[in-house]
Every structure is written in C-alpha cells, then in structure tokens.
Amino acid sequence: HAVMFLVLTFVSASGVWLLLEAEFLAIT
C-alpha cells in the first residue's frame, strides 16, 4: 500500500508540473 501511495504521489506531482507548463519533466 505504501508503494501504491508513492505512485499516487508521483502522479500528483506530475499533474502540478503540467500546470506549470513543465510537460517534459511531468512525462519523465
């Protein structure tokens, strides 16, 4: 469960980066 929550953390961070127009970092 901790690993799955960490996956959700990374996905949420990539969503924030998309809002900041950092598409390359979000997809990476």
PDB file of all heavy atoms in Angstrom:
ATOM      1  N   HIS A   1       0.829  -1.204   0.000  1.00  0.00           N
ATOM      2  CA  HIS A   1       0.000   0.000   0.000  1.00  0.00           C
ATOM      3  C   HIS A   1       0.870   1.263   0.000  1.00  0.00           C
ATOM      4  O   HIS A   1       0.522   2.264  -0.650  1.00  0.00           O
ATOM      5  CB  HIS A   1      -0.917  -0.002   1.225  1.00  0.00           C
ATOM      6  CG  HIS A   1      -1.934  -1.098   1.188  1.00  0.00           C
ATOM      7  ND1 HIS A   1      -2.724  -1.425   2.280  1.00  0.00           N
ATOM      8  CD2 HIS A   1      -2.283  -1.962   0.209  1.00  0.00           C
ATOM      9  CE1 HIS A   1      -3.518  -2.429   1.960  1.00  0.00           C
ATOM     10  NE2 HIS A   1      -3.263  -2.779   0.708  1.00  0.00           N
ATOM     11  N   ALA A   2       1.984   1.234   0.729  1.00  0.00           N
ATOM     12  CA  ALA A   2       2.885   2.389   0.755  1.00  0.00           C
ATOM     13  C   ALA A   2       3.456   2.664  -0.633  1.00  0.00           C
ATOM     14  O   ALA A   2       3.556   3.820  -1.060  1.00  0.00           O
ATOM     15  CB  ALA A   2       4.010   2.153   1.757  1.00  0.00           C
ATOM     16  N   VAL A   3       3.817   1.612  -1.367  1.00  0.00           N
ATOM     17  CA  VAL A   3       4.338   1.787  -2.726  1.00  0.00           C
ATOM     18  C   VAL A   3       3.268   2.353  -3.646  1.00  0.00           C
ATOM     19  O   VAL A   3       3.530   3.245  -4.467  1.00  0.00           O
ATOM     20  CB  VAL A   3       4.874   0.451  -3.262  1.00  0.00           C
ATOM     21  CG1 VAL A   3       5.255   0.574  -4.727  1.00  0.00           C
ATOM     22  CG2 VAL A   3       6.077  -0.012  -2.446  1.00  0.00           C
ATOM     23  N   MET A   4       2.040   1.877  -3.513  1.00  0.00           N
ATOM     24  CA  MET A   4       0.955   2.397  -4.353  1.00  0.00           C
ATOM     25  C   MET A   4       0.661   3.860  -4.036  1.00  0.00           C
ATOM     26  O   MET A   4       0.384   4.657  -4.946  1.00  0.00           O
ATOM     27  CB  MET A   4      -0.296   1.542  -4.144  1.00  0.00           C
ATOM     28  CG  MET A   4      -0.142   0.086  -4.549  1.00  0.00           C
ATOM     29  SD  MET A   4       0.444  -0.135  -6.249  1.00  0.00           S
ATOM     30  CE  MET A   4      -0.920   0.563  -7.171  1.00  0.00           C
ATOM     31  N   PHE A   5       0.720   4.234  -2.767  1.00  0.00           N
ATOM     32  CA  PHE A   5       0.544   5.647  -2.411  1.00  0.00           C
ATOM     33  C   PHE A   5       1.702   6.498  -2.953  1.00  0.00           C
ATOM     34  O   PHE A   5       1.499   7.661  -3.317  1.00  0.00           O
ATOM     35  CB  PHE A   5       0.433   5.810  -0.900  1.00  0.00           C
ATOM     36  CG  PHE A   5      -0.935   5.525  -0.363  1.00  0.00           C
ATOM     37  CD1 PHE A   5      -1.151   4.463   0.505  1.00  0.00           C
ATOM     38  CD2 PHE A   5      -2.020   6.320  -0.716  1.00  0.00           C
ATOM     39  CE1 PHE A   5      -2.416   4.194   1.004  1.00  0.00           C
ATOM     40  CE2 PHE A   5      -3.292   6.056  -0.223  1.00  0.00           C
ATOM     41  CZ  PHE A   5      -3.493   4.992   0.633  1.00  0.00           C
ATOM     42  N   LEU A   6       2.904   5.927  -3.005  1.00  0.00           N
ATOM     43  CA  LEU A   6       4.027   6.657  -3.593  1.00  0.00           C
ATOM     44  C   LEU A   6       3.821   6.871  -5.085  1.00  0.00           C
ATOM     45  O   LEU A   6       4.188   7.925  -5.632  1.00  0.00           O
ATOM     46  CB  LEU A   6       5.331   5.901  -3.333  1.00  0.00           C
ATOM     47  CG  LEU A   6       6.628   6.604  -3.714  1.00  0.00           C
ATOM     48  CD1 LEU A   6       6.742   7.951  -3.014  1.00  0.00           C
ATOM     49  CD2 LEU A   6       7.830   5.733  -3.374  1.00  0.00           C
ATOM     50  N   VAL A   7       3.244   5.899  -5.764  1.00  0.00           N
ATOM     51  CA  VAL A   7       2.886   6.068  -7.173  1.00  0.00           C
ATOM     52  C   VAL A   7       1.885   7.210  -7.335  1.00  0.00           C
ATOM     53  O   VAL A   7       2.015   8.059  -8.231  1.00  0.00           O
ATOM     54  CB  VAL A   7       2.316   4.752  -7.740  1.00  0.00           C
ATOM     55  CG1 VAL A   7       1.732   4.975  -9.134  1.00  0.00           C
ATOM     56  CG2 VAL A   7       3.382   3.673  -7.789  1.00  0.00           C
ATOM     57  N   LEU A   8       0.875   7.250  -6.462  1.00  0.00           N
ATOM     58  CA  LEU A   8      -0.097   8.343  -6.499  1.00  0.00           C
ATOM     59  C   LEU A   8       0.565   9.688  -6.222  1.00  0.00           C
ATOM     60  O   LEU A   8       0.195  10.712  -6.819  1.00  0.00           O
ATOM     61  CB  LEU A   8      -1.214   8.081  -5.490  1.00  0.00           C
ATOM     62  CG  LEU A   8      -2.324   9.126  -5.406  1.00  0.00           C
ATOM     63  CD1 LEU A   8      -3.026   9.278  -6.747  1.00  0.00           C
ATOM     64  CD2 LEU A   8      -3.327   8.755  -4.320  1.00  0.00           C
ATOM     65  N   THR A   9       1.568   9.699  -5.355  1.00  0.00           N
ATOM     66  CA  THR A   9       2.308  10.936  -5.078  1.00  0.00           C
ATOM     67  C   THR A   9       3.022  11.441  -6.325  1.00  0.00           C
ATOM     68  O   THR A   9       2.972  12.632  -6.649  1.00  0.00           O
ATOM     69  CB  THR A   9       3.328  10.693  -3.954  1.00  0.00           C
ATOM     70  OG1 THR A   9       2.659  10.218  -2.789  1.00  0.00           O
ATOM     71  CG2 THR A   9       4.074  11.975  -3.620  1.00  0.00           C
ATOM     72  N   PHE A  10       3.685  10.540  -7.047  1.00  0.00           N
ATOM     73  CA  PHE A  10       4.389  10.934  -8.267  1.00  0.00           C
ATOM     74  C   PHE A  10       3.409  11.416  -9.345  1.00  0.00           C
ATOM     75  O   PHE A  10       3.692  12.396 -10.058  1.00  0.00           O
ATOM     76  CB  PHE A  10       5.213   9.765  -8.804  1.00  0.00           C
ATOM     77  CG  PHE A  10       6.431   9.461  -7.980  1.00  0.00           C
ATOM     78  CD1 PHE A  10       6.915   8.170  -7.876  1.00  0.00           C
ATOM     79  CD2 PHE A  10       7.099  10.468  -7.297  1.00  0.00           C
ATOM     80  CE1 PHE A  10       8.041   7.892  -7.129  1.00  0.00           C
ATOM     81  CE2 PHE A  10       8.223  10.198  -6.540  1.00  0.00           C
ATOM     82  CZ  PHE A  10       8.692   8.908  -6.458  1.00  0.00           C
ATOM     83  N   VAL A  11       2.273  10.755  -9.466  1.00  0.00           N
ATOM     84  CA  VAL A  11       1.281  11.175 -10.463  1.00  0.00           C
ATOM     85  C   VAL A  11       0.735  12.563 -10.123  1.00  0.00           C
ATOM     86  O   VAL A  11       0.555  13.416 -11.007  1.00  0.00           O
ATOM     87  CB  VAL A  11       0.148  10.136 -10.542  1.00  0.00           C
ATOM     88  CG1 VAL A  11      -0.975  10.642 -11.443  1.00  0.00           C
ATOM     89  CG2 VAL A  11       0.675   8.804 -11.074  1.00  0.00           C
ATOM     90  N   SER A  12       0.483  12.821  -8.846  1.00  0.00           N
ATOM     91  CA  SER A  12       0.002  14.141  -8.431  1.00  0.00           C
ATOM     92  C   SER A  12       1.061  15.213  -8.690  1.00  0.00           C
ATOM     93  O   SER A  12       0.736  16.326  -9.131  1.00  0.00           O
ATOM     94  CB  SER A  12      -0.378  14.114  -6.948  1.00  0.00           C
ATOM     95  OG  SER A  12      -1.344  13.130  -6.688  1.00  0.00           O
ATOM     96  N   ALA A  13       2.329  14.888  -8.422  1.00  0.00           N
ATOM     97  CA  ALA A  13       3.408  15.852  -8.690  1.00  0.00           C
ATOM     98  C   ALA A  13       3.517  16.149 -10.187  1.00  0.00           C
ATOM     99  O   ALA A  13       3.749  17.295 -10.583  1.00  0.00           O
ATOM    100  CB  ALA A  13       4.733  15.317  -8.157  1.00  0.00           C
ATOM    101  N   SER A  14       3.348  15.115 -11.015  1.00  0.00           N
ATOM    102  CA  SER A  14       3.393  15.347 -12.461  1.00  0.00           C
ATOM    103  C   SER A  14       2.231  16.226 -12.912  1.00  0.00           C
ATOM    104  O   SER A  14       2.376  17.044 -13.830  1.00  0.00           O
ATOM    105  CB  SER A  14       3.359  14.009 -13.206  1.00  0.00           C
ATOM    106  OG  SER A  14       2.120  13.341 -12.989  1.00  0.00           O
ATOM    107  N   GLY A  15       1.059  16.096 -12.250  1.00  0.00           N
ATOM    108  CA  GLY A  15      -0.055  16.979 -12.572  1.00  0.00           C
ATOM    109  C   GLY A  15       0.248  18.430 -12.236  1.00  0.00           C
ATOM    110  O   GLY A  15      -0.101  19.345 -12.998  1.00  0.00           O
ATOM    111  N   VAL A  16       0.905  18.662 -11.103  1.00  0.00           N
ATOM    112  CA  VAL A  16       1.304  20.026 -10.742  1.00  0.00           C
ATOM    113  C   VAL A  16       2.304  20.577 -11.747  1.00  0.00           C
ATOM    114  O   VAL A  16       2.235  21.753 -12.150  1.00  0.00           O
ATOM    115  CB  VAL A  16       1.890  20.040  -9.316  1.00  0.00           C
ATOM    116  CG1 VAL A  16       2.435  21.422  -8.964  1.00  0.00           C
ATOM    117  CG2 VAL A  16       0.829  19.634  -8.302  1.00  0.00           C
ATOM    118  N   TRP A  17       3.242  19.752 -12.193  1.00  0.00           N
ATOM    119  CA  TRP A  17       4.226  20.204 -13.182  1.00  0.00           C
ATOM    120  C   TRP A  17       3.572  20.521 -14.523  1.00  0.00           C
ATOM    121  O   TRP A  17       4.021  21.423 -15.241  1.00  0.00           O
ATOM    122  CB  TRP A  17       5.319  19.152 -13.352  1.00  0.00           C
ATOM    123  CG  TRP A  17       6.267  19.125 -12.196  1.00  0.00           C
ATOM    124  CD1 TRP A  17       6.308  19.985 -11.144  1.00  0.00           C
ATOM    125  CD2 TRP A  17       7.320  18.190 -11.969  1.00  0.00           C
ATOM    126  NE1 TRP A  17       7.304  19.648 -10.273  1.00  0.00           N
ATOM    127  CE2 TRP A  17       7.944  18.544 -10.755  1.00  0.00           C
ATOM    128  CE3 TRP A  17       7.783  17.072 -12.658  1.00  0.00           C
ATOM    129  CZ2 TRP A  17       9.009  17.839 -10.226  1.00  0.00           C
ATOM    130  CZ3 TRP A  17       8.848  16.360 -12.134  1.00  0.00           C
ATOM    131  CH2 TRP A  17       9.455  16.739 -10.941  1.00  0.00           C
ATOM    132  N   LEU A  18       2.530  19.775 -14.883  1.00  0.00           N
ATOM    133  CA  LEU A  18       1.809  20.096 -16.110  1.00  0.00           C
ATOM    134  C   LEU A  18       1.163  21.472 -16.029  1.00  0.00           C
ATOM    135  O   LEU A  18       1.144  22.221 -17.015  1.00  0.00           O
ATOM    136  CB  LEU A  18       0.748  19.032 -16.384  1.00  0.00           C
ATOM    137  CG  LEU A  18       1.226  17.703 -16.973  1.00  0.00           C
ATOM    138  CD1 LEU A  18       0.072  16.725 -17.065  1.00  0.00           C
ATOM    139  CD2 LEU A  18       1.854  17.913 -18.347  1.00  0.00           C
ATOM    140  N   LEU A  19       0.633  21.819 -14.866  1.00  0.00           N
ATOM    141  CA  LEU A  19       0.057  23.158 -14.696  1.00  0.00           C
ATOM    142  C   LEU A  19       1.112  24.242 -14.799  1.00  0.00           C
ATOM    143  O   LEU A  19       0.805  25.379 -15.172  1.00  0.00           O
ATOM    144  CB  LEU A  19      -0.652  23.249 -13.342  1.00  0.00           C
ATOM    145  CG  LEU A  19      -1.910  22.375 -13.173  1.00  0.00           C
ATOM    146  CD1 LEU A  19      -2.445  22.492 -11.752  1.00  0.00           C
ATOM    147  CD2 LEU A  19      -2.982  22.767 -14.171  1.00  0.00           C
ATOM    148  N   LEU A  20       2.369  23.903 -14.448  1.00  0.00           N
ATOM    149  CA  LEU A  20       3.468  24.871 -14.542  1.00  0.00           C
ATOM    150  C   LEU A  20       4.127  24.867 -15.919  1.00  0.00           C
ATOM    151  O   LEU A  20       5.185  25.460 -16.092  1.00  0.00           O
ATOM    152  CB  LEU A  20       4.517  24.562 -13.469  1.00  0.00           C
ATOM    153  CG  LEU A  20       4.059  24.709 -12.016  1.00  0.00           C
ATOM    154  CD1 LEU A  20       5.163  24.266 -11.065  1.00  0.00           C
ATOM    155  CD2 LEU A  20       3.661  26.148 -11.735  1.00  0.00           C
ATOM    156  N   GLU A  21       3.498  24.161 -16.893  1.00  0.00           N
ATOM    157  CA  GLU A  21       3.995  24.061 -18.270  1.00  0.00           C
ATOM    158  C   GLU A  21       5.349  23.362 -18.343  1.00  0.00           C
ATOM    159  O   GLU A  21       6.163  23.652 -19.210  1.00  0.00           O
ATOM    160  CB  GLU A  21       4.071  25.440 -18.924  1.00  0.00           C
ATOM    161  CG  GLU A  21       2.727  26.124 -19.071  1.00  0.00           C
ATOM    162  CD  GLU A  21       2.823  27.427 -19.825  1.00  0.00           C
ATOM    163  OE1 GLU A  21       3.948  27.775 -20.255  1.00  0.00           O
ATOM    164  OE2 GLU A  21       1.792  28.085 -19.992  1.00  0.00           O
ATOM    165  N   ALA A  22       5.590  22.449 -17.415  1.00  0.00           N
ATOM    166  CA  ALA A  22       6.809  21.629 -17.449  1.00  0.00           C
ATOM    167  C   ALA A  22       6.423  20.228 -17.910  1.00  0.00           C
ATOM    168  O   ALA A  22       6.511  19.250 -17.160  1.00  0.00           O
ATOM    169  CB  ALA A  22       7.485  21.606 -16.082  1.00  0.00           C
ATOM    170  N   GLU A  23       5.977  20.136 -19.177  1.00  0.00           N
ATOM    171  CA  GLU A  23       5.467  18.871 -19.690  1.00  0.00           C
ATOM    172  C   GLU A  23       6.535  17.792 -19.746  1.00  0.00           C
ATOM    173  O   GLU A  23       6.266  16.619 -19.456  1.00  0.00           O
ATOM    174  CB  GLU A  23       4.859  19.071 -21.083  1.00  0.00           C
ATOM    175  CG  GLU A  23       3.624  19.950 -21.118  1.00  0.00           C
ATOM    176  CD  GLU A  23       3.967  21.414 -21.263  1.00  0.00           C
ATOM    177  OE1 GLU A  23       5.184  21.714 -21.343  1.00  0.00           O
ATOM    178  OE2 GLU A  23       3.031  22.248 -21.283  1.00  0.00           O
ATOM    179  N   PHE A  24       7.749  18.164 -20.119  1.00  0.00           N
ATOM    180  CA  PHE A  24       8.824  17.174 -20.239  1.00  0.00           C
ATOM    181  C   PHE A  24       9.124  16.527 -18.888  1.00  0.00           C
ATOM    182  O   PHE A  24       9.253  15.296 -18.786  1.00  0.00           O
ATOM    183  CB  PHE A  24      10.082  17.843 -20.802  1.00  0.00           C
ATOM    184  CG  PHE A  24      11.260  16.910 -20.902  1.00  0.00           C
ATOM    185  CD1 PHE A  24      11.340  15.980 -21.915  1.00  0.00           C
ATOM    186  CD2 PHE A  24      12.277  16.974 -19.966  1.00  0.00           C
ATOM    187  CE1 PHE A  24      12.416  15.108 -22.001  1.00  0.00           C
ATOM    188  CE2 PHE A  24      13.361  16.115 -20.044  1.00  0.00           C
ATOM    189  CZ  PHE A  24      13.425  15.179 -21.066  1.00  0.00           C
ATOM    190  N   LEU A  25       9.238  17.336 -17.838  1.00  0.00           N
ATOM    191  CA  LEU A  25       9.507  16.794 -16.503  1.00  0.00           C
ATOM    192  C   LEU A  25       8.341  15.943 -16.002  1.00  0.00           C
ATOM    193  O   LEU A  25       8.552  14.909 -15.359  1.00  0.00           O
ATOM    194  CB  LEU A  25       9.780  17.934 -15.520  1.00  0.00           C
ATOM    195  CG  LEU A  25      11.043  18.764 -15.783  1.00  0.00           C
ATOM    196  CD1 LEU A  25      11.153  19.880 -14.760  1.00  0.00           C
ATOM    197  CD2 LEU A  25      12.283  17.892 -15.750  1.00  0.00           C
ATOM    198  N   ALA A  26       7.118  16.356 -16.311  1.00  0.00           N
ATOM    199  CA  ALA A  26       5.950  15.591 -15.871  1.00  0.00           C
ATOM    200  C   ALA A  26       5.912  14.219 -16.537  1.00  0.00           C
ATOM    201  O   ALA A  26       5.702  13.195 -15.878  1.00  0.00           O
ATOM    202  CB  ALA A  26       4.679  16.374 -16.182  1.00  0.00           C
ATOM    203  N   ILE A  27       6.131  14.171 -17.852  1.00  0.00           N
ATOM    204  CA  ILE A  27       6.110  12.894 -18.567  1.00  0.00           C
ATOM    205  C   ILE A  27       7.288  12.027 -18.137  1.00  0.00           C
ATOM    206  O   ILE A  27       7.160  10.804 -17.978  1.00  0.00           O
ATOM    207  CB  ILE A  27       6.136  13.139 -20.080  1.00  0.00           C
ATOM    208  CG1 ILE A  27       4.880  13.897 -20.513  1.00  0.00           C
ATOM    209  CG2 ILE A  27       6.237  11.824 -20.837  1.00  0.00           C
ATOM    210  CD1 ILE A  27       3.590  13.181 -20.196  1.00  0.00           C
ATOM    211  N   THR A  28       8.455  12.649 -17.908  1.00  0.00           N
ATOM    212  CA  THR A  28       9.621  11.886 -17.449  1.00  0.00           C
ATOM    213  C   THR A  28       9.364  11.278 -16.074  1.00  0.00           C
ATOM    214  O   THR A  28       9.743  10.128 -15.809  1.00  0.00           O
ATOM    215  CB  THR A  28      10.855  12.796 -17.391  1.00  0.00           C
ATOM    216  OG1 THR A  28      11.078  13.368 -18.676  1.00  0.00           O
ATOM    217  CG2 THR A  28      12.084  12.011 -16.978  1.00  0.00           C
TER     218      THR A  28
END
